[in-house]
Every structure is written in C-alpha cells, then in structure tokens.
PDB file of N, CA and C in Angstrom:
ATOM      1  N   MET A   1      31.855  70.572  13.079  1.00  0.00           N
ATOM      2  CA  MET A   1      30.873  69.514  13.419  1.00  0.00           C
ATOM      3  C   MET A   1      31.543  68.250  13.262  1.00  0.00           C
ATOM      4  N   THR A   2      32.406  68.019  12.291  1.00  0.00           N
ATOM      5  CA  THR A   2      32.939  66.722  12.057  1.00  0.00           C
ATOM      6  C   THR A   2      33.925  66.310  13.115  1.00  0.00           C
ATOM      7  N   LEU A   3      34.621  67.368  13.775  1.00  0.00           N
ATOM      8  CA  LEU A   3      35.545  67.092  14.848  1.00  0.00           C
ATOM      9  C   LEU A   3      34.697  66.664  16.009  1.00  0.00           C
ATOM     10  N   LEU A   4      33.588  67.338  16.213  1.00  0.00           N
ATOM     11  CA  LEU A   4      32.698  66.845  17.429  1.00  0.00           C
ATOM     12  C   LEU A   4      32.188  65.408  17.215  1.00  0.00           C
ATOM     13  N   LEU A   5      31.855  65.044  16.028  1.00  0.00           N
ATOM     14  CA  LEU A   5      31.422  63.690  15.780  1.00  0.00           C
ATOM     15  C   LEU A   5      32.553  62.720  16.043  1.00  0.00           C
ATOM     16  N   LEU A   6      33.731  63.045  15.580  1.00  0.00           N
ATOM     17  CA  LEU A   6      34.928  62.242  15.749  1.00  0.00           C
ATOM     18  C   LEU A   6      35.329  62.090  17.254  1.00  0.00           C
ATOM     19  N   ALA A   7      35.099  63.224  18.091  1.00  0.00           N
ATOM     20  CA  ALA A   7      35.434  63.192  19.464  1.00  0.00           C
ATOM     21  C   ALA A   7      34.454  62.228  20.148  1.00  0.00           C
ATOM     22  N   ILE A   8      33.189  62.342  19.794  1.00  0.00           N
ATOM     23  CA  ILE A   8      32.196  61.445  20.382  1.00  0.00           C
ATOM     24  C   ILE A   8      32.630  59.895  20.051  1.00  0.00           C
ATOM     25  N   ALA A   9      32.953  59.675  18.778  1.00  0.00           N
ATOM     26  CA  ALA A   9      33.394  58.368  18.396  1.00  0.00           C
ATOM     27  C   ALA A   9      34.481  57.783  19.147  1.00  0.00           C
ATOM     28  N   ILE A  10      35.488  58.712  19.409  1.00  0.00           N
ATOM     29  CA  ILE A  10      36.663  58.334  20.186  1.00  0.00           C
ATOM     30  C   ILE A  10      36.304  58.078  21.552  1.00  0.00           C
ATOM     31  N   ALA A  11      35.404  58.893  22.272  1.00  0.00           N
ATOM     32  CA  ALA A  11      35.080  58.630  23.545  1.00  0.00           C
ATOM     33  C   ALA A  11      34.250  57.348  23.671  1.00  0.00           C
ATOM     34  N   SER A  12      33.496  57.018  22.711  1.00  0.00           N
ATOM     35  CA  SER A  12      32.722  55.816  22.697  1.00  0.00           C
ATOM     36  C   SER A  12      33.674  54.588  22.625  1.00  0.00           C
ATOM     37  N   GLU A  13      34.642  54.666  21.756  1.00  0.00           N
ATOM     38  CA  GLU A  13      35.582  53.571  21.625  1.00  0.00           C
ATOM     39  C   GLU A  13      36.408  53.394  22.882  1.00  0.00           C
ATOM     40  N   VAL A  14      36.908  54.437  23.480  1.00  0.00           N
ATOM     41  CA  VAL A  14      37.639  54.352  24.861  1.00  0.00           C
ATOM     42  C   VAL A  14      36.718  53.767  25.808  1.00  0.00           C
ATOM     43  N   THR A  15      35.540  54.227  26.071  1.00  0.00           N
ATOM     44  CA  THR A  15      34.587  53.635  26.972  1.00  0.00           C
ATOM     45  C   THR A  15      34.425  52.117  26.753  1.00  0.00           C
ATOM     46  N   ALA A  16      34.178  51.693  25.464  1.00  0.00           N
ATOM     47  CA  ALA A  16      33.981  50.320  25.199  1.00  0.00           C
ATOM     48  C   ALA A  16      35.334  49.518  25.418  1.00  0.00           C
ATOM     49  N   THR A  17      36.433  49.985  25.241  1.00  0.00           N
ATOM     50  CA  THR A  17      37.677  49.319  25.536  1.00  0.00           C
ATOM     51  C   THR A  17      37.914  49.135  27.074  1.00  0.00           C
ATOM     52  N   VAL A  18      37.607  50.171  27.775  1.00  0.00           N
ATOM     53  CA  VAL A  18      37.758  50.034  29.277  1.00  0.00           C
ATOM     54  C   VAL A  18      36.643  49.081  29.783  1.00  0.00           C
ATOM     55  N   SER A  19      35.435  49.108  29.235  1.00  0.00           N
ATOM     56  CA  SER A  19      34.405  48.209  29.593  1.00  0.00           C
ATOM     57  C   SER A  19      34.728  46.689  29.303  1.00  0.00           C
ATOM     58  N   LEU A  20      35.538  46.523  28.197  1.00  0.00           N
ATOM     59  CA  LEU A  20      35.886  45.222  27.793  1.00  0.00           C
ATOM     60  C   LEU A  20      36.723  44.542  28.900  1.00  0.00           C
ATOM     61  N   LYS A  21      37.642  45.258  29.530  1.00  0.00           N
ATOM     62  CA  LYS A  21      38.390  44.615  30.635  1.00  0.00           C
ATOM     63  C   LYS A  21      37.504  44.363  31.926  1.00  0.00           C
ATOM     64  N   ILE A  22      36.647  45.285  32.154  1.00  0.00           N
ATOM     65  CA  ILE A  22      35.751  45.216  33.300  1.00  0.00           C
ATOM     66  C   ILE A  22      34.800  44.122  33.099  1.00  0.00           C
ATOM     67  N   SER A  23      34.307  43.749  31.887  1.00  0.00           N
ATOM     68  CA  SER A  23      33.409  42.786  31.669  1.00  0.00           C
ATOM     69  C   SER A  23      33.835  41.303  31.959  1.00  0.00           C
ATOM     70  N   ASP A  24      35.151  41.173  32.246  1.00  0.00           N
ATOM     71  CA  ASP A  24      35.634  39.852  32.706  1.00  0.00           C
ATOM     72  C   ASP A  24      35.245  38.688  31.796  1.00  0.00           C
ATOM     73  N   GLY A  25      35.584  38.908  30.521  1.00  0.00           N
ATOM     74  CA  GLY A  25      35.270  37.853  29.627  1.00  0.00           C
ATOM     75  C   GLY A  25      33.779  37.716  29.329  1.00  0.00           C
ATOM     76  N   PHE A  26      33.097  38.897  29.269  1.00  0.00           N
ATOM     77  CA  PHE A  26      31.722  39.091  28.997  1.00  0.00           C
ATOM     78  C   PHE A  26      30.877  38.276  30.051  1.00  0.00           C
ATOM     79  N   THR A  27      31.332  38.112  31.279  1.00  0.00           N
ATOM     80  CA  THR A  27      30.572  37.410  32.292  1.00  0.00           C
ATOM     81  C   THR A  27      29.841  38.397  33.116  1.00  0.00           C
ATOM     82  N   LYS A  28      30.085  39.653  33.025  1.00  0.00           N
ATOM     83  CA  LYS A  28      29.279  40.736  33.722  1.00  0.00           C
ATOM     84  C   LYS A  28      28.417  41.475  32.708  1.00  0.00           C
ATOM     85  N   VAL A  29      27.130  41.529  33.019  1.00  0.00           N
ATOM     86  CA  VAL A  29      26.189  42.013  31.970  1.00  0.00           C
ATOM     87  C   VAL A  29      26.290  43.462  31.708  1.00  0.00           C
ATOM     88  N   ILE A  30      26.344  44.390  32.635  1.00  0.00           N
ATOM     89  CA  ILE A  30      26.440  45.754  32.301  1.00  0.00           C
ATOM     90  C   ILE A  30      27.604  46.165  31.437  1.00  0.00           C
ATOM     91  N   PRO A  31      28.817  45.795  31.942  1.00  0.00           N
ATOM     92  CA  PRO A  31      30.034  46.197  31.166  1.00  0.00           C
ATOM     93  C   PRO A  31      29.929  45.513  29.761  1.00  0.00           C
ATOM     94  N   SER A  32      29.382  44.322  29.654  1.00  0.00           N
ATOM     95  CA  SER A  32      29.268  43.702  28.333  1.00  0.00           C
ATOM     96  C   SER A  32      28.387  44.417  27.397  1.00  0.00           C
ATOM     97  N   ILE A  33      27.241  44.939  27.918  1.00  0.00           N
ATOM     98  CA  ILE A  33      26.344  45.828  27.065  1.00  0.00           C
ATOM     99  C   ILE A  33      27.055  47.063  26.659  1.00  0.00           C
ATOM    100  N   LEU A  34      27.884  47.691  27.587  1.00  0.00           N
ATOM    101  CA  LEU A  34      28.591  48.851  27.309  1.00  0.00           C
ATOM    102  C   LEU A  34      29.603  48.624  26.168  1.00  0.00           C
ATOM    103  N   VAL A  35      30.200  47.425  26.087  1.00  0.00           N
ATOM    104  CA  VAL A  35      31.118  47.093  25.053  1.00  0.00           C
ATOM    105  C   VAL A  35      30.438  47.149  23.701  1.00  0.00           C
ATOM    106  N   VAL A  36      29.378  46.489  23.625  1.00  0.00           N
ATOM    107  CA  VAL A  36      28.616  46.348  22.327  1.00  0.00           C
ATOM    108  C   VAL A  36      28.110  47.758  21.939  1.00  0.00           C
ATOM    109  N   LEU A  37      27.425  48.502  22.845  1.00  0.00           N
ATOM    110  CA  LEU A  37      27.001  49.772  22.533  1.00  0.00           C
ATOM    111  C   LEU A  37      28.087  50.782  22.133  1.00  0.00           C
ATOM    112  N   GLY A  38      29.128  50.701  22.974  1.00  0.00           N
ATOM    113  CA  GLY A  38      30.290  51.599  22.757  1.00  0.00           C
ATOM    114  C   GLY A  38      30.919  51.430  21.453  1.00  0.00           C
ATOM    115  N   TYR A  39      31.191  50.211  21.106  1.00  0.00           N
ATOM    116  CA  TYR A  39      31.887  49.991  19.782  1.00  0.00           C
ATOM    117  C   TYR A  39      30.887  50.304  18.604  1.00  0.00           C
ATOM    118  N   GLY A  40      29.602  49.866  18.816  1.00  0.00           N
ATOM    119  CA  GLY A  40      28.646  50.270  17.809  1.00  0.00           C
ATOM    120  C   GLY A  40      28.446  51.672  17.555  1.00  0.00           C
ATOM    121  N   SER A  41      28.376  52.459  18.595  1.00  0.00           N
ATOM    122  CA  SER A  41      28.242  53.935  18.511  1.00  0.00           C
ATOM    123  C   SER A  41      29.592  54.579  18.062  1.00  0.00           C
ATOM    124  N   ALA A  42      30.693  54.064  18.357  1.00  0.00           N
ATOM    125  CA  ALA A  42      31.962  54.594  17.895  1.00  0.00           C
ATOM    126  C   ALA A  42      31.987  54.544  16.351  1.00  0.00           C
ATOM    127  N   PHE A  43      31.687  53.416  15.779  1.00  0.00           N
ATOM    128  CA  PHE A  43      31.677  53.264  14.356  1.00  0.00           C
ATOM    129  C   PHE A  43      30.637  54.082  13.673  1.00  0.00           C
ATOM    130  N   TRP A  44      29.429  54.246  14.307  1.00  0.00           N
ATOM    131  CA  TRP A  44      28.426  55.000  13.727  1.00  0.00           C
ATOM    132  C   TRP A  44      28.808  56.523  13.673  1.00  0.00           C
ATOM    133  N   PHE A  45      29.309  57.035  14.810  1.00  0.00           N
ATOM    134  CA  PHE A  45      29.755  58.393  14.856  1.00  0.00           C
ATOM    135  C   PHE A  45      30.967  58.628  13.866  1.00  0.00           C
ATOM    136  N   LEU A  46      31.875  57.686  13.838  1.00  0.00           N
ATOM    137  CA  LEU A  46      32.899  57.871  12.865  1.00  0.00           C
ATOM    138  C   LEU A  46      32.336  57.908  11.354  1.00  0.00           C
ATOM    139  N   SER A  47      31.398  57.028  11.114  1.00  0.00           N
ATOM    140  CA  SER A  47      30.840  57.071   9.708  1.00  0.00           C
ATOM    141  C   SER A  47      30.121  58.374   9.415  1.00  0.00           C
ATOM    142  N   GLN A  48      29.479  58.983  10.411  1.00  0.00           N
ATOM    143  CA  GLN A  48      28.856  60.317  10.237  1.00  0.00           C
ATOM    144  C   GLN A  48      29.841  61.417  10.039  1.00  0.00           C
ATOM    145  N   ALA A  49      31.009  61.383  10.770  1.00  0.00           N
ATOM    146  CA  ALA A  49      32.027  62.379  10.451  1.00  0.00           C
ATOM    147  C   ALA A  49      32.588  62.282   9.051  1.00  0.00           C
ATOM    148  N   LEU A  50      32.794  61.032   8.623  1.00  0.00           N
ATOM    149  CA  LEU A  50      33.306  60.768   7.267  1.00  0.00           C
ATOM    150  C   LEU A  50      32.309  61.189   6.320  1.00  0.00           C
ATOM    151  N   LYS A  51      30.950  60.863   6.426  1.00  0.00           N
ATOM    152  CA  LYS A  51      29.947  61.252   5.595  1.00  0.00           C
ATOM    153  C   LYS A  51      29.859  62.792   5.458  1.00  0.00           C
ATOM    154  N   ARG A  52      30.166  63.520   6.428  1.00  0.00           N
ATOM    155  CA  ARG A  52      30.009  64.974   6.359  1.00  0.00           C
ATOM    156  C   ARG A  52      31.299  65.675   5.892  1.00  0.00           C
ATOM    157  N   GLY A  53      32.247  64.892   5.365  1.00  0.00           N
ATOM    158  CA  GLY A  53      33.340  65.486   4.669  1.00  0.00           C
ATOM    159  C   GLY A  53      34.778  65.317   5.344  1.00  0.00           C
ATOM    160  N   MET A  54      34.886  64.709   6.418  1.00  0.00           N
ATOM    161  CA  MET A  54      36.166  64.593   7.015  1.00  0.00           C
ATOM    162  C   MET A  54      36.916  63.521   6.256  1.00  0.00           C
ATOM    163  N   GLN A  55      38.214  63.809   5.920  1.00  0.00           N
ATOM    164  CA  GLN A  55      39.002  62.766   5.196  1.00  0.00           C
ATOM    165  C   GLN A  55      39.330  61.564   6.090  1.00  0.00           C
ATOM    166  N   ILE A  56      39.268  60.489   5.480  1.00  0.00           N
ATOM    167  CA  ILE A  56      39.531  59.218   6.299  1.00  0.00           C
ATOM    168  C   ILE A  56      40.971  59.183   6.868  1.00  0.00           C
ATOM    169  N   GLY A  57      41.964  59.674   6.118  1.00  0.00           N
ATOM    170  CA  GLY A  57      43.304  59.712   6.653  1.00  0.00           C
ATOM    171  C   GLY A  57      43.508  60.673   7.914  1.00  0.00           C
ATOM    172  N   VAL A  58      42.776  61.708   7.851  1.00  0.00           N
ATOM    173  CA  VAL A  58      42.770  62.714   9.090  1.00  0.00           C
ATOM    174  C   VAL A  58      42.063  62.010  10.160  1.00  0.00           C
ATOM    175  N   ALA A  59      40.878  61.492   9.932  1.00  0.00           N
ATOM    176  CA  ALA A  59      40.039  60.753  11.027  1.00  0.00           C
ATOM    177  C   ALA A  59      40.780  59.670  11.691  1.00  0.00           C
ATOM    178  N   TYR A  60      41.413  58.786  10.781  1.00  0.00           N
ATOM    179  CA  TYR A  60      42.096  57.686  11.410  1.00  0.00           C
ATOM    180  C   TYR A  60      43.320  58.033  12.201  1.00  0.00           C
ATOM    181  N   GLY A  61      44.051  59.136  11.676  1.00  0.00           N
ATOM    182  CA  GLY A  61      45.243  59.560  12.436  1.00  0.00           C
ATOM    183  C   GLY A  61      44.831  60.178  13.776  1.00  0.00           C
ATOM    184  N   ILE A  62      43.899  60.986  13.819  1.00  0.00           N
ATOM    185  CA  ILE A  62      43.320  61.489  15.107  1.00  0.00           C
ATOM    186  C   ILE A  62      42.831  60.358  15.998  1.00  0.00           C
ATOM    187  N   TRP A  63      42.101  59.530  15.504  1.00  0.00           N
ATOM    188  CA  TRP A  63      41.451  58.355  16.182  1.00  0.00           C
ATOM    189  C   TRP A  63      42.614  57.565  16.849  1.00  0.00           C
ATOM    190  N   SER A  64      43.629  57.202  16.040  1.00  0.00           N
ATOM    191  CA  SER A  64      44.681  56.430  16.547  1.00  0.00           C
ATOM    192  C   SER A  64      45.560  57.059  17.642  1.00  0.00           C
ATOM    193  N   ALA A  65      45.824  58.418  17.317  1.00  0.00           N
ATOM    194  CA  ALA A  65      46.688  59.104  18.260  1.00  0.00           C
ATOM    195  C   ALA A  65      45.992  59.292  19.653  1.00  0.00           C
ATOM    196  N   VAL A  66      44.687  59.596  19.564  1.00  0.00           N
ATOM    197  CA  VAL A  66      44.029  59.856  20.830  1.00  0.00           C
ATOM    198  C   VAL A  66      43.740  58.489  21.550  1.00  0.00           C
ATOM    199  N   GLY A  67      43.532  57.435  20.783  1.00  0.00           N
ATOM    200  CA  GLY A  67      43.296  56.095  21.367  1.00  0.00           C
ATOM    201  C   GLY A  67      44.534  55.604  22.058  1.00  0.00           C
ATOM    202  N   VAL A  68      45.729  55.886  21.437  1.00  0.00           N
ATOM    203  CA  VAL A  68      46.886  55.412  22.130  1.00  0.00           C
ATOM    204  C   VAL A  68      47.168  56.300  23.338  1.00  0.00           C
ATOM    205  N   ALA A  69      46.907  57.541  23.255  1.00  0.00           N
ATOM    206  CA  ALA A  69      47.177  58.464  24.422  1.00  0.00           C
ATOM    207  C   ALA A  69      46.297  58.094  25.613  1.00  0.00           C
ATOM    208  N   ALA A  70      45.074  57.590  25.274  1.00  0.00           N
ATOM    209  CA  ALA A  70      44.034  57.316  26.352  1.00  0.00           C
ATOM    210  C   ALA A  70      44.491  56.010  26.861  1.00  0.00           C
TER     211      ALA A  70
END
C-alpha cells in the first residue's frame, strides 16, 4: 500500500512539473491549476505513505530516482 501511495505522489509531482512549463509563467489557467493541485496532492500522498510506515530515506530515494528518470 505504501508503494502505491508513493507512486501516486510521484505521478502527481511529475504532472505538476510538466504543467509548470506549460503554464507559461502562470498565465494559462488550466495548467496553473494543475500545478497547484499536483504539488499539493504529491505532498499529501507522500505524507500518507510515510504515515503508514514507509521510511523517509526509502521514500525520498525512490522519489528522487523516479523524478530524475522522468
């Protein structure tokens, strides 16, 4: 379960990062909303994975590796 929560967090973060470029300096509404929702949900899902017992070092290592690869 913790890996699923972490995977959702990573997908949200990648979506938000891609939307950040598309938002063109927050001048486009829909991508700007996706940035805020994406980063917010990414940190919420990460916190849920940590709350359910995933070690922070493991979570951060996986998060960083997948984020760089994406």
